[in-house]
């Protein structure tokens, strides 16, 4: 049987990258947490294994914040700088969120059309827009996206034991 791609998911990804991908260049750097994320990414880029940063007041443990996003930004900063890492991780987070909503909706409904519509709605979700463009919470977006991707796998594994 020939497997076809979901036109609604592809539309959601294109809409998401066009809408969020164009606006993050105007909003992301001025968000509440953008400079903190750049600060942590700079720390990991300069001293990957040092758990303490002495530039913040009298010192600050960088282990108090989830490191995946900041370490990814640090690795990408070796290619094009810290802002390149910030925007690249944001674009990856947008794609992960939209596909995560699709996969989770497919798990809940078992209907590819409904899951595709859910992915389109996720593009314009006010909570996603606020989290990304106002607060700049990339770790939260990446975390929930990875969770939505992992849940179908975990439930499949539990069902087939």
N, C-alpha and C. Protein backbone atom coordinates (compact mmCIF):
# COMPACT_ATOMS: atom_id res chain seq x y z
N UNK A 1 0.83 -1.16 0.00
CA UNK A 1 0.00 0.00 0.00
C UNK A 1 0.89 1.24 0.00
N UNK A 2 0.53 2.19 -0.86
CA UNK A 2 1.32 3.41 -1.00
C UNK A 2 0.98 4.39 0.11
N UNK A 3 2.01 4.84 0.83
CA UNK A 3 1.84 5.81 1.91
C UNK A 3 1.97 7.21 1.33
N UNK A 4 0.95 8.04 1.53
CA UNK A 4 1.00 9.41 1.03
C UNK A 4 1.22 10.38 2.18
N UNK A 5 1.79 11.51 1.85
CA UNK A 5 2.04 12.50 2.89
C UNK A 5 0.75 13.29 3.17
N UNK A 6 0.67 13.83 4.35
CA UNK A 6 -0.51 14.57 4.75
C UNK A 6 -0.38 16.02 4.28
N UNK A 7 -1.28 16.42 3.40
CA UNK A 7 -1.21 17.78 2.84
C UNK A 7 -1.44 18.84 3.90
N UNK A 8 -2.21 18.51 4.93
CA UNK A 8 -2.45 19.48 5.99
C UNK A 8 -1.21 19.68 6.86
N UNK A 9 -0.48 18.61 7.11
CA UNK A 9 0.76 18.74 7.87
C UNK A 9 1.79 19.56 7.10
N UNK A 10 1.91 19.29 5.81
CA UNK A 10 2.85 20.05 4.98
C UNK A 10 2.44 21.52 4.93
N UNK A 11 1.14 21.77 4.81
CA UNK A 11 0.64 23.15 4.83
C UNK A 11 0.94 23.82 6.16
N UNK A 12 0.75 23.10 7.25
CA UNK A 12 1.03 23.65 8.58
C UNK A 12 2.51 23.99 8.72
N UNK A 13 3.39 23.11 8.24
CA UNK A 13 4.82 23.38 8.34
C UNK A 13 5.20 24.60 7.50
N UNK A 14 4.67 24.70 6.30
CA UNK A 14 4.98 25.86 5.46
C UNK A 14 4.42 27.15 6.06
N UNK A 15 3.18 27.09 6.56
CA UNK A 15 2.60 28.26 7.22
C UNK A 15 3.40 28.65 8.46
N UNK A 16 3.78 27.65 9.25
CA UNK A 16 4.53 27.92 10.46
C UNK A 16 5.89 28.54 10.18
N UNK A 17 6.59 27.99 9.21
CA UNK A 17 7.90 28.55 8.88
C UNK A 17 7.78 29.93 8.26
N UNK A 18 6.73 30.15 7.46
CA UNK A 18 6.54 31.48 6.86
C UNK A 18 6.13 32.50 7.93
N UNK A 19 5.17 32.13 8.77
CA UNK A 19 4.66 33.07 9.76
C UNK A 19 5.66 33.30 10.89
N UNK A 20 6.04 32.25 11.58
CA UNK A 20 6.95 32.40 12.71
C UNK A 20 8.39 32.66 12.26
N UNK A 21 8.78 32.02 11.16
CA UNK A 21 10.14 32.18 10.67
C UNK A 21 10.44 33.60 10.23
N UNK A 22 9.42 34.31 9.75
CA UNK A 22 9.65 35.70 9.35
C UNK A 22 9.55 36.65 10.54
N UNK A 23 8.71 36.33 11.51
CA UNK A 23 8.53 37.26 12.62
C UNK A 23 9.58 37.10 13.72
N UNK A 24 10.22 35.93 13.84
CA UNK A 24 11.21 35.78 14.92
C UNK A 24 12.39 36.73 14.74
N UNK A 25 12.65 37.14 13.51
CA UNK A 25 13.78 38.05 13.29
C UNK A 25 13.48 39.45 13.83
N UNK A 26 12.20 39.74 14.09
CA UNK A 26 11.82 41.03 14.65
C UNK A 26 11.47 40.95 16.13
N UNK A 27 11.14 39.76 16.62
CA UNK A 27 10.64 39.66 17.99
C UNK A 27 11.57 38.90 18.94
N UNK A 28 12.26 37.88 18.47
CA UNK A 28 12.94 36.96 19.36
C UNK A 28 14.05 37.61 20.19
N UNK A 29 14.81 38.49 19.58
CA UNK A 29 15.92 39.12 20.30
C UNK A 29 15.44 40.06 21.40
N UNK A 30 14.21 40.55 21.30
CA UNK A 30 13.70 41.49 22.29
C UNK A 30 12.79 40.82 23.32
N UNK A 31 12.71 39.51 23.29
CA UNK A 31 11.85 38.81 24.23
C UNK A 31 12.46 38.83 25.63
N UNK A 32 11.65 38.42 26.56
CA UNK A 32 12.02 38.45 27.97
C UNK A 32 13.26 37.60 28.26
N UNK A 33 13.39 36.43 27.65
CA UNK A 33 14.47 35.50 27.99
C UNK A 33 15.57 35.36 26.93
N UNK A 34 15.51 36.09 25.86
CA UNK A 34 16.48 35.89 24.77
C UNK A 34 17.92 36.11 25.23
N UNK A 35 18.16 37.17 25.96
CA UNK A 35 19.53 37.46 26.39
C UNK A 35 20.04 36.43 27.39
N UNK A 36 19.14 35.89 28.20
CA UNK A 36 19.55 34.84 29.14
C UNK A 36 19.95 33.59 28.36
N UNK A 37 19.18 33.25 27.34
CA UNK A 37 19.53 32.09 26.52
C UNK A 37 20.87 32.30 25.81
N UNK A 38 21.09 33.51 25.31
CA UNK A 38 22.37 33.80 24.67
C UNK A 38 23.51 33.75 25.69
N UNK A 39 23.26 34.21 26.91
CA UNK A 39 24.27 34.17 27.97
C UNK A 39 24.67 32.72 28.28
N UNK A 40 23.67 31.85 28.44
CA UNK A 40 23.97 30.45 28.72
C UNK A 40 24.66 29.78 27.53
N UNK A 41 24.22 30.09 26.32
CA UNK A 41 24.86 29.50 25.14
C UNK A 41 26.31 29.96 25.04
N UNK A 42 26.57 31.22 25.35
CA UNK A 42 27.94 31.72 25.34
C UNK A 42 28.79 30.99 26.37
N UNK A 43 28.21 30.72 27.54
CA UNK A 43 28.94 29.98 28.56
C UNK A 43 29.33 28.59 28.06
N UNK A 44 28.35 27.87 27.47
CA UNK A 44 28.65 26.52 26.97
C UNK A 44 29.62 26.57 25.79
N UNK A 45 29.55 27.61 24.98
CA UNK A 45 30.48 27.71 23.85
C UNK A 45 31.91 27.93 24.32
N UNK A 46 32.08 28.62 25.45
CA UNK A 46 33.43 28.93 25.93
C UNK A 46 33.97 27.93 26.93
N UNK A 47 33.12 27.34 27.74
CA UNK A 47 33.59 26.36 28.73
C UNK A 47 32.49 25.32 28.94
N UNK A 48 32.49 24.34 28.08
CA UNK A 48 31.42 23.34 28.01
C UNK A 48 31.23 22.59 29.32
N UNK A 49 32.30 22.20 29.98
CA UNK A 49 32.22 21.34 31.15
C UNK A 49 32.24 22.09 32.49
N UNK A 50 32.30 23.39 32.48
CA UNK A 50 32.31 24.18 33.71
C UNK A 50 30.87 24.42 34.17
N UNK A 51 30.48 23.90 35.33
CA UNK A 51 29.09 24.06 35.78
C UNK A 51 28.80 25.41 36.44
N UNK A 52 29.80 26.25 36.60
CA UNK A 52 29.61 27.50 37.31
C UNK A 52 30.05 28.65 36.41
N UNK A 53 29.23 29.69 36.34
CA UNK A 53 29.57 30.87 35.56
C UNK A 53 29.80 32.02 36.50
N UNK A 54 31.00 32.60 36.45
CA UNK A 54 31.38 33.65 37.39
C UNK A 54 30.98 35.04 36.89
N UNK A 55 30.45 35.14 35.69
CA UNK A 55 30.07 36.45 35.15
C UNK A 55 28.75 36.95 35.71
N UNK A 56 27.96 36.08 36.30
CA UNK A 56 26.63 36.45 36.78
C UNK A 56 26.72 36.74 38.28
N UNK A 57 26.63 38.01 38.66
CA UNK A 57 26.75 38.45 40.05
C UNK A 57 28.01 37.85 40.68
N UNK A 58 27.86 37.02 41.70
CA UNK A 58 29.05 36.41 42.32
C UNK A 58 29.25 34.99 41.84
N UNK A 59 28.52 34.58 40.88
CA UNK A 59 28.61 33.23 40.33
C UNK A 59 27.23 32.62 40.23
N UNK A 60 27.08 31.72 39.29
CA UNK A 60 25.77 31.15 39.02
C UNK A 60 25.95 29.76 38.44
N UNK A 61 25.18 28.81 38.94
CA UNK A 61 25.25 27.45 38.42
C UNK A 61 24.43 27.34 37.14
N UNK A 62 25.07 27.01 36.06
CA UNK A 62 24.35 26.87 34.79
C UNK A 62 23.58 25.55 34.73
N UNK A 63 23.78 24.70 35.70
CA UNK A 63 23.04 23.44 35.75
C UNK A 63 21.61 23.64 36.27
N UNK A 64 21.29 24.84 36.71
CA UNK A 64 19.95 25.10 37.23
C UNK A 64 18.93 25.31 36.12
N UNK A 65 19.37 25.35 34.89
CA UNK A 65 18.50 25.54 33.74
C UNK A 65 18.67 24.36 32.80
N UNK A 66 17.60 23.87 32.16
CA UNK A 66 17.76 22.73 31.24
C UNK A 66 18.75 23.06 30.12
N UNK A 67 19.76 22.23 29.93
CA UNK A 67 20.87 22.61 29.05
C UNK A 67 20.71 22.32 27.55
N UNK A 68 19.72 21.53 27.13
CA UNK A 68 19.67 21.08 25.73
C UNK A 68 19.65 22.25 24.75
N UNK A 69 18.79 23.20 24.96
CA UNK A 69 18.67 24.33 24.02
C UNK A 69 19.94 25.17 24.03
N UNK A 70 20.48 25.42 25.20
CA UNK A 70 21.67 26.27 25.29
C UNK A 70 22.89 25.57 24.70
N UNK A 71 23.00 24.28 24.93
CA UNK A 71 24.13 23.54 24.35
C UNK A 71 23.98 23.44 22.83
N UNK A 72 22.75 23.29 22.35
CA UNK A 72 22.53 23.28 20.89
C UNK A 72 22.89 24.62 20.28
N UNK A 73 22.51 25.69 20.95
CA UNK A 73 22.87 27.03 20.47
C UNK A 73 24.39 27.21 20.49
N UNK A 74 25.04 26.68 21.52
CA UNK A 74 26.50 26.79 21.61
C UNK A 74 27.18 26.05 20.46
N UNK A 75 26.69 24.86 20.15
CA UNK A 75 27.27 24.11 19.03
C UNK A 75 27.04 24.83 17.70
N UNK A 76 25.85 25.36 17.51
CA UNK A 76 25.56 26.08 16.27
C UNK A 76 26.30 27.40 16.20
N UNK A 77 26.66 27.96 17.35
CA UNK A 77 27.40 29.22 17.35
C UNK A 77 28.80 29.05 16.77
N UNK A 78 29.30 27.83 16.79
CA UNK A 78 30.62 27.58 16.19
C UNK A 78 30.56 27.73 14.68
N UNK A 79 29.37 27.60 14.10
CA UNK A 79 29.19 27.75 12.65
C UNK A 79 28.97 29.21 12.28
N UNK A 80 28.03 29.87 13.00
CA UNK A 80 27.67 31.22 12.57
C UNK A 80 27.45 32.23 13.67
N UNK A 81 27.87 31.96 14.87
CA UNK A 81 27.70 32.91 15.95
C UNK A 81 26.51 32.58 16.83
N UNK A 82 26.40 33.30 17.94
CA UNK A 82 25.36 33.02 18.92
C UNK A 82 23.96 33.31 18.39
N UNK A 83 23.80 34.40 17.67
CA UNK A 83 22.48 34.72 17.13
C UNK A 83 22.05 33.72 16.07
N UNK A 84 22.99 33.23 15.29
CA UNK A 84 22.68 32.17 14.34
C UNK A 84 22.17 30.94 15.07
N UNK A 85 22.81 30.60 16.17
CA UNK A 85 22.37 29.48 16.98
C UNK A 85 20.98 29.70 17.56
N UNK A 86 20.72 30.92 18.03
CA UNK A 86 19.42 31.25 18.60
C UNK A 86 18.31 31.09 17.56
N UNK A 87 18.51 31.66 16.38
CA UNK A 87 17.47 31.61 15.35
C UNK A 87 17.31 30.21 14.76
N UNK A 88 18.41 29.48 14.64
CA UNK A 88 18.32 28.12 14.11
C UNK A 88 17.57 27.22 15.08
N UNK A 89 17.88 27.32 16.36
CA UNK A 89 17.16 26.53 17.36
C UNK A 89 15.68 26.92 17.39
N UNK A 90 15.38 28.20 17.21
CA UNK A 90 13.98 28.64 17.18
C UNK A 90 13.25 28.05 15.98
N UNK A 91 13.89 28.02 14.83
CA UNK A 91 13.26 27.41 13.64
C UNK A 91 13.05 25.91 13.83
N UNK A 92 14.02 25.25 14.43
CA UNK A 92 13.88 23.82 14.72
C UNK A 92 12.75 23.61 15.72
N UNK A 93 12.64 24.49 16.70
CA UNK A 93 11.57 24.38 17.70
C UNK A 93 10.19 24.55 17.05
N UNK A 94 10.08 25.43 16.09
CA UNK A 94 8.81 25.63 15.38
C UNK A 94 8.42 24.35 14.65
N UNK A 95 9.35 23.76 13.94
CA UNK A 95 9.07 22.52 13.21
C UNK A 95 8.74 21.39 14.17
N UNK A 96 9.51 21.28 15.25
CA UNK A 96 9.25 20.23 16.24
C UNK A 96 7.88 20.38 16.89
N UNK A 97 7.48 21.62 17.17
CA UNK A 97 6.19 21.84 17.81
C UNK A 97 5.04 21.45 16.87
N UNK A 98 5.11 21.86 15.64
CA UNK A 98 4.03 21.57 14.69
C UNK A 98 3.94 20.07 14.43
N UNK A 99 5.06 19.42 14.21
CA UNK A 99 5.02 17.96 13.98
C UNK A 99 4.66 17.21 15.26
N UNK A 100 5.04 17.76 16.41
CA UNK A 100 4.66 17.15 17.68
C UNK A 100 3.16 17.20 17.90
N UNK A 101 2.54 18.33 17.60
CA UNK A 101 1.09 18.44 17.71
C UNK A 101 0.42 17.46 16.76
N UNK A 102 0.96 17.33 15.56
CA UNK A 102 0.40 16.38 14.60
C UNK A 102 0.47 14.95 15.15
N UNK A 103 1.63 14.57 15.63
CA UNK A 103 1.79 13.19 16.14
C UNK A 103 0.93 12.92 17.35
N UNK A 104 0.85 13.89 18.27
CA UNK A 104 0.03 13.70 19.46
C UNK A 104 -1.45 13.66 19.09
N UNK A 105 -1.87 14.51 18.18
CA UNK A 105 -3.27 14.50 17.73
C UNK A 105 -3.59 13.21 17.00
N UNK A 106 -2.65 12.70 16.24
CA UNK A 106 -2.86 11.42 15.56
C UNK A 106 -2.98 10.30 16.58
N UNK A 107 -2.24 10.38 17.65
CA UNK A 107 -2.35 9.40 18.73
C UNK A 107 -3.72 9.47 19.38
N UNK A 108 -4.21 10.67 19.60
CA UNK A 108 -5.49 10.85 20.30
C UNK A 108 -6.69 10.51 19.42
N UNK A 109 -6.63 10.82 18.12
CA UNK A 109 -7.80 10.67 17.26
C UNK A 109 -7.71 9.53 16.26
N UNK A 110 -6.49 9.09 15.94
CA UNK A 110 -6.25 8.07 14.91
C UNK A 110 -6.80 8.50 13.56
N UNK A 111 -6.85 9.80 13.31
CA UNK A 111 -7.37 10.34 12.06
C UNK A 111 -6.35 11.36 11.53
N UNK A 112 -5.77 11.08 10.36
CA UNK A 112 -4.72 11.94 9.82
C UNK A 112 -5.25 13.31 9.42
N UNK A 113 -6.49 13.37 8.98
CA UNK A 113 -7.06 14.67 8.61
C UNK A 113 -7.25 15.55 9.83
N UNK A 114 -7.79 15.00 10.89
CA UNK A 114 -7.97 15.76 12.13
C UNK A 114 -6.62 16.19 12.69
N UNK A 115 -5.65 15.31 12.66
CA UNK A 115 -4.31 15.65 13.14
C UNK A 115 -3.69 16.76 12.30
N UNK A 116 -3.95 16.73 11.00
CA UNK A 116 -3.47 17.80 10.13
C UNK A 116 -4.10 19.14 10.45
N UNK A 117 -5.41 19.14 10.71
CA UNK A 117 -6.08 20.37 11.12
C UNK A 117 -5.53 20.88 12.46
N UNK A 118 -5.26 19.96 13.37
CA UNK A 118 -4.69 20.35 14.66
C UNK A 118 -3.32 21.00 14.47
N UNK A 119 -2.54 20.48 13.54
CA UNK A 119 -1.22 21.06 13.27
C UNK A 119 -1.36 22.47 12.70
N UNK A 120 -2.36 22.67 11.84
CA UNK A 120 -2.59 24.01 11.29
C UNK A 120 -3.02 24.97 12.41
N UNK A 121 -3.90 24.51 13.28
CA UNK A 121 -4.33 25.35 14.40
C UNK A 121 -3.18 25.66 15.35
N UNK A 122 -2.26 24.72 15.50
CA UNK A 122 -1.11 24.93 16.39
C UNK A 122 -0.22 26.06 15.90
N UNK A 123 -0.17 26.27 14.59
CA UNK A 123 0.65 27.35 14.04
C UNK A 123 0.20 28.70 14.60
N UNK A 124 -1.11 28.87 14.71
CA UNK A 124 -1.65 30.16 15.14
C UNK A 124 -2.15 30.14 16.59
N UNK A 125 -1.72 29.16 17.35
CA UNK A 125 -2.11 29.07 18.75
C UNK A 125 -1.57 30.29 19.51
N UNK A 126 -2.47 30.95 20.24
CA UNK A 126 -2.05 32.16 20.95
C UNK A 126 -1.01 31.85 22.03
N UNK A 127 -1.13 30.68 22.66
CA UNK A 127 -0.14 30.34 23.69
C UNK A 127 1.23 30.08 23.08
N UNK A 128 1.27 29.49 21.89
CA UNK A 128 2.55 29.27 21.22
C UNK A 128 3.16 30.60 20.78
N UNK A 129 2.33 31.48 20.22
CA UNK A 129 2.81 32.79 19.79
C UNK A 129 3.36 33.57 20.98
N UNK A 130 2.64 33.54 22.09
CA UNK A 130 3.09 34.26 23.29
C UNK A 130 4.38 33.66 23.84
N UNK A 131 4.45 32.34 23.89
CA UNK A 131 5.63 31.68 24.45
C UNK A 131 6.87 31.95 23.60
N UNK A 132 6.70 31.98 22.29
CA UNK A 132 7.85 32.17 21.40
C UNK A 132 8.19 33.65 21.22
N UNK A 133 7.19 34.45 20.86
CA UNK A 133 7.47 35.83 20.42
C UNK A 133 7.46 36.87 21.54
N UNK A 134 6.85 36.56 22.67
CA UNK A 134 6.84 37.54 23.76
C UNK A 134 7.81 37.15 24.86
N UNK A 135 7.76 35.88 25.28
CA UNK A 135 8.63 35.46 26.38
C UNK A 135 9.91 34.78 25.91
N UNK A 136 9.96 34.27 24.68
CA UNK A 136 11.18 33.66 24.16
C UNK A 136 11.57 32.39 24.89
N UNK A 137 10.61 31.62 25.33
CA UNK A 137 10.87 30.41 26.11
C UNK A 137 11.19 29.22 25.20
N UNK A 138 12.34 29.23 24.58
CA UNK A 138 12.74 28.13 23.70
C UNK A 138 12.85 26.80 24.44
N UNK A 139 13.40 26.75 25.66
CA UNK A 139 13.46 25.46 26.34
C UNK A 139 12.07 24.86 26.60
N UNK A 140 11.09 25.70 26.90
CA UNK A 140 9.73 25.20 27.12
C UNK A 140 9.14 24.63 25.83
N UNK A 141 9.34 25.34 24.73
CA UNK A 141 8.81 24.89 23.45
C UNK A 141 9.48 23.59 23.02
N UNK A 142 10.78 23.53 23.13
CA UNK A 142 11.50 22.31 22.74
C UNK A 142 11.11 21.15 23.65
N UNK A 143 10.98 21.42 24.94
CA UNK A 143 10.61 20.36 25.89
C UNK A 143 9.24 19.78 25.60
N UNK A 144 8.23 20.62 25.40
CA UNK A 144 6.89 20.11 25.13
C UNK A 144 6.84 19.44 23.76
N UNK A 145 7.62 19.93 22.83
CA UNK A 145 7.65 19.31 21.49
C UNK A 145 8.25 17.91 21.54
N UNK A 146 9.34 17.76 22.26
CA UNK A 146 9.96 16.44 22.41
C UNK A 146 9.02 15.49 23.15
N UNK A 147 8.33 16.02 24.14
CA UNK A 147 7.35 15.20 24.86
C UNK A 147 6.24 14.72 23.92
N UNK A 148 5.72 15.61 23.09
CA UNK A 148 4.66 15.19 22.15
C UNK A 148 5.16 14.19 21.12
N UNK A 149 6.44 14.26 20.78
CA UNK A 149 7.01 13.26 19.87
C UNK A 149 7.24 11.93 20.59
N UNK A 150 7.57 11.98 21.86
CA UNK A 150 7.91 10.76 22.60
C UNK A 150 6.69 9.99 23.07
N UNK A 151 5.59 10.66 23.33
CA UNK A 151 4.40 9.96 23.85
C UNK A 151 3.89 8.86 22.92
N UNK A 152 3.75 9.09 21.62
CA UNK A 152 3.29 7.99 20.77
C UNK A 152 4.23 6.79 20.79
N UNK A 153 5.52 7.02 20.86
CA UNK A 153 6.49 5.92 20.90
C UNK A 153 6.35 5.14 22.21
N UNK A 154 6.25 5.87 23.33
CA UNK A 154 6.11 5.21 24.63
C UNK A 154 4.83 4.40 24.72
N UNK A 155 3.74 4.94 24.23
CA UNK A 155 2.48 4.22 24.29
C UNK A 155 2.49 3.01 23.36
N UNK A 156 3.16 3.13 22.22
CA UNK A 156 3.28 2.00 21.31
C UNK A 156 4.10 0.90 21.95
N UNK A 157 5.19 1.28 22.61
CA UNK A 157 6.05 0.29 23.26
C UNK A 157 5.30 -0.39 24.41
N UNK A 158 4.54 0.37 25.18
CA UNK A 158 3.80 -0.20 26.31
C UNK A 158 2.69 -1.14 25.83
N UNK A 159 2.09 -0.82 24.71
CA UNK A 159 1.00 -1.62 24.18
C UNK A 159 1.51 -2.96 23.62
N UNK A 160 2.72 -2.97 23.11
CA UNK A 160 3.28 -4.16 22.45
C UNK A 160 4.18 -4.99 23.38
N UNK A 161 4.04 -4.87 24.67
CA UNK A 161 4.85 -5.69 25.59
C UNK A 161 4.26 -7.05 25.72
